[in-house]
Protein backbone atom coordinates (compact mmCIF):
# COMPACT_ATOMS: atom_id res chain seq x y z
CA MET A 1 15.41 19.33 27.94
CA ASP A 2 11.71 18.71 27.75
CA ILE A 3 9.99 15.48 26.73
CA LYS A 4 9.47 16.54 23.12
CA VAL A 5 13.17 17.14 22.55
CA TRP A 6 14.00 13.72 24.02
CA MET A 7 11.38 12.20 21.74
CA TYR A 8 13.07 13.84 18.73
CA VAL A 9 16.51 12.64 19.81
CA ILE A 10 15.33 9.06 20.30
CA TYR A 11 13.38 9.16 17.01
CA LEU A 12 16.42 10.35 15.07
CA ALA A 13 18.77 7.85 16.73
CA VAL A 14 16.46 4.87 16.13
CA SER A 15 15.48 5.91 12.59
CA VAL A 16 19.01 6.64 11.43
CA GLY A 17 20.25 3.43 13.08
CA LEU A 18 17.54 1.36 11.39
CA THR A 19 18.23 3.01 8.04
CA ILE A 20 21.96 2.28 8.23
CA TRP A 21 21.39 -1.30 9.40
CA VAL A 22 18.84 -2.08 6.67
CA ALA A 23 20.91 -0.39 3.94
CA ARG A 24 24.01 -2.41 4.86
CA ALA A 25 22.04 -5.66 5.05
CA LEU A 26 20.39 -5.05 1.70
CA ALA A 27 23.66 -4.04 0.04
CA ARG A 28 25.51 -7.08 1.41
CA ASN A 29 22.80 -9.65 0.68
CA GLY A 30 21.50 -8.03 -2.49
CA GLN A 31 24.85 -8.20 -4.28
CA VAL A 32 24.27 -11.82 -5.36
CA PHE A 33 20.78 -10.97 -6.61
CA LEU A 34 22.08 -7.98 -8.58
CA GLU A 35 24.84 -10.08 -10.16
CA GLU A 36 22.13 -12.48 -11.34
CA VAL A 37 19.97 -9.62 -12.63
CA PHE A 38 22.71 -7.83 -14.54
CA ALA A 39 24.96 -10.82 -15.35
CA GLU A 40 28.05 -8.66 -14.76
CA GLU A 41 29.75 -8.19 -11.39
CA ARG A 42 31.08 -4.69 -12.06
CA LEU A 43 27.69 -3.36 -13.16
CA ALA A 44 26.01 -5.09 -10.20
CA ARG A 45 28.40 -3.39 -7.74
CA ALA A 46 27.78 0.00 -9.33
CA VAL A 47 23.99 -0.44 -9.24
CA ASN A 48 24.21 -1.69 -5.66
CA SER A 49 26.07 1.49 -4.64
CA LEU A 50 23.56 3.68 -6.43
CA LEU A 51 20.66 1.87 -4.77
CA VAL A 52 22.23 2.36 -1.34
CA VAL A 53 22.69 6.09 -1.94
CA GLY A 54 19.12 6.44 -3.20
CA PHE A 55 17.88 4.42 -0.25
CA TYR A 56 19.67 6.71 2.21
CA LEU A 57 18.41 9.85 0.49
CA LEU A 58 14.80 8.73 0.35
CA ASN A 59 14.60 7.28 3.81
CA LEU A 60 16.57 9.94 5.68
CA GLY A 61 14.63 12.59 3.80
CA TYR A 62 11.41 11.00 4.98
CA VAL A 63 12.73 10.73 8.55
CA THR A 64 13.54 14.43 8.70
CA VAL A 65 10.25 15.54 7.12
CA ALA A 66 8.20 13.30 9.43
CA MET A 67 10.05 14.43 12.55
CA LYS A 68 7.94 17.51 13.19
CA HIS A 69 5.14 17.11 15.72
CA PRO A 70 2.99 20.25 16.00
CA ASP A 71 1.14 19.41 19.23
CA PRO A 72 2.73 19.71 22.66
CA VAL A 73 3.89 16.46 24.27
CA LEU A 74 2.83 16.60 27.90
CA SER A 75 3.61 13.12 29.19
CA THR A 76 6.06 10.30 28.70
CA SER A 77 3.32 7.94 27.55
CA GLN A 78 2.20 10.44 24.90
CA ALA A 79 5.83 10.74 23.75
CA MET A 80 6.13 6.93 23.52
CA GLU A 81 2.93 6.68 21.49
CA GLU A 82 4.09 9.36 19.06
CA LEU A 83 7.54 7.81 18.89
CA SER A 84 6.14 4.37 18.09
CA LEU A 85 3.95 5.85 15.37
CA LYS A 86 6.86 7.69 13.79
CA ILE A 87 9.23 4.71 13.96
CA GLY A 88 6.49 2.43 12.64
CA LEU A 89 6.06 4.70 9.64
CA VAL A 90 9.82 4.67 9.05
CA LEU A 91 9.74 0.85 9.06
CA LEU A 92 6.85 0.85 6.61
CA VAL A 93 8.76 3.20 4.29
CA LEU A 94 11.84 0.96 4.55
CA GLY A 95 9.74 -2.08 3.66
CA ALA A 96 8.01 -0.32 0.77
CA LEU A 97 11.32 0.85 -0.69
CA HIS A 98 12.73 -2.67 -0.40
CA PHE A 99 9.65 -4.22 -2.03
CA PHE A 100 9.72 -1.70 -4.88
CA ASN A 101 13.42 -2.36 -5.55
CA VAL A 102 12.99 -6.13 -5.59
CA PHE A 103 9.89 -5.87 -7.79
CA ALA A 104 11.55 -3.52 -10.31
CA LEU A 105 14.76 -5.55 -10.47
CA GLY A 106 12.80 -8.80 -10.84
CA ARG A 107 10.89 -7.36 -13.80
CA TYR A 108 14.13 -6.16 -15.36
CA ARG A 109 15.64 -9.63 -14.92
CA ARG A 110 12.63 -11.36 -16.50
CA ASN A 111 12.72 -9.02 -19.49
CA ARG A 112 16.47 -9.53 -19.93
CA LEU A 113 16.05 -13.31 -19.81
CA ARG A 114 13.21 -13.14 -22.36
CA GLN A 115 15.45 -11.22 -24.76
CA PHE A 116 18.06 -13.96 -24.66
CA ALA A 117 15.57 -16.81 -24.90
CA THR A 118 15.59 -17.80 -28.57
CA HIS A 119 14.24 -21.31 -28.16
CA PRO A 120 11.69 -22.95 -25.90
CA PRO A 121 13.02 -24.07 -22.52
CA VAL A 122 12.14 -27.70 -23.27
CA ALA A 123 12.48 -29.25 -26.71
CA PRO A 124 9.34 -30.94 -28.06
CA VAL A 125 9.53 -34.72 -27.70
CA GLY A 126 6.65 -35.78 -29.92
CA ARG A 127 2.95 -35.37 -30.44
CA LEU A 128 0.17 -36.50 -28.21
CA PRO A 129 -2.49 -38.62 -29.91
CA MET A 130 -5.89 -37.00 -30.31
CA PRO A 131 -8.50 -38.71 -28.14
CA SER A 132 -11.23 -40.36 -30.13
CA ALA A 133 -14.68 -38.89 -29.55
CA PRO A 134 -17.77 -41.11 -29.12
CA HIS A 135 -19.87 -41.50 -32.26
CA GLY A 136 -21.84 -38.34 -32.93
CA ALA A 137 -20.04 -36.25 -30.29
CA GLN A 138 -18.24 -33.07 -31.20
CA PRO A 139 -14.46 -33.03 -30.62
CA VAL A 140 -13.29 -30.59 -28.00
CA GLY A 141 -12.89 -27.12 -29.48
CA ALA A 142 -14.94 -27.90 -32.59
CA HIS A 143 -17.69 -25.55 -33.60
CA PRO A 144 -21.18 -26.96 -34.07
CA PRO A 145 -22.32 -27.20 -37.67
CA THR A 146 -24.18 -24.16 -38.83
CA THR A 147 -27.64 -24.71 -40.19
CA PRO A 148 -29.84 -22.01 -41.58
CA PRO A 149 -32.72 -21.00 -39.30
CA PRO A 150 -36.11 -22.54 -40.19
CA ARG A 151 -38.54 -20.32 -42.08
C-alpha cells in the first residue's frame, strides 16, 4: 500500500475512534443535564439516544466527506501534515456539535423554567426610603421643568 492509503486508514481509525469515545462520554455525562432540562428521566433517555444517533450521523458523515485528498502524497511528512489537518477539523466539528447541543438545550431549559415561574424568585421584603435631595437639586430620574423659550 502506498502512503496515501495508510493516511486514509489512520484517518478513519482515529476519527471513528474519537467519534465513538466522545459520543459515549457525552451520552454518559449528559444524562444528568438532560434530566434537569426535561424534568423527566424517560424523556431525557430518549432525547439522549436521539442526540447520540444524530451526533454519529453528522460526524461520521463529515469524516467520510472530508477524507478525500485530491493531490498525491509523496512523503511521510506530507501525509502527517494532511492527517493532522483532517483530524484537527474532525475535532473542531466535534466541539462545534457539542457546543451547539449544550447551547440549544440550555435555551430550552431557561424557557421551560420561565414558563413555570409564576412569582418572583425572592419575595419583596419592604420598600427602600427615597434619598432626600439637597435643596434646589432635581431628584434622580426627574425631568427638568419646562419653560417656554424667550421671545
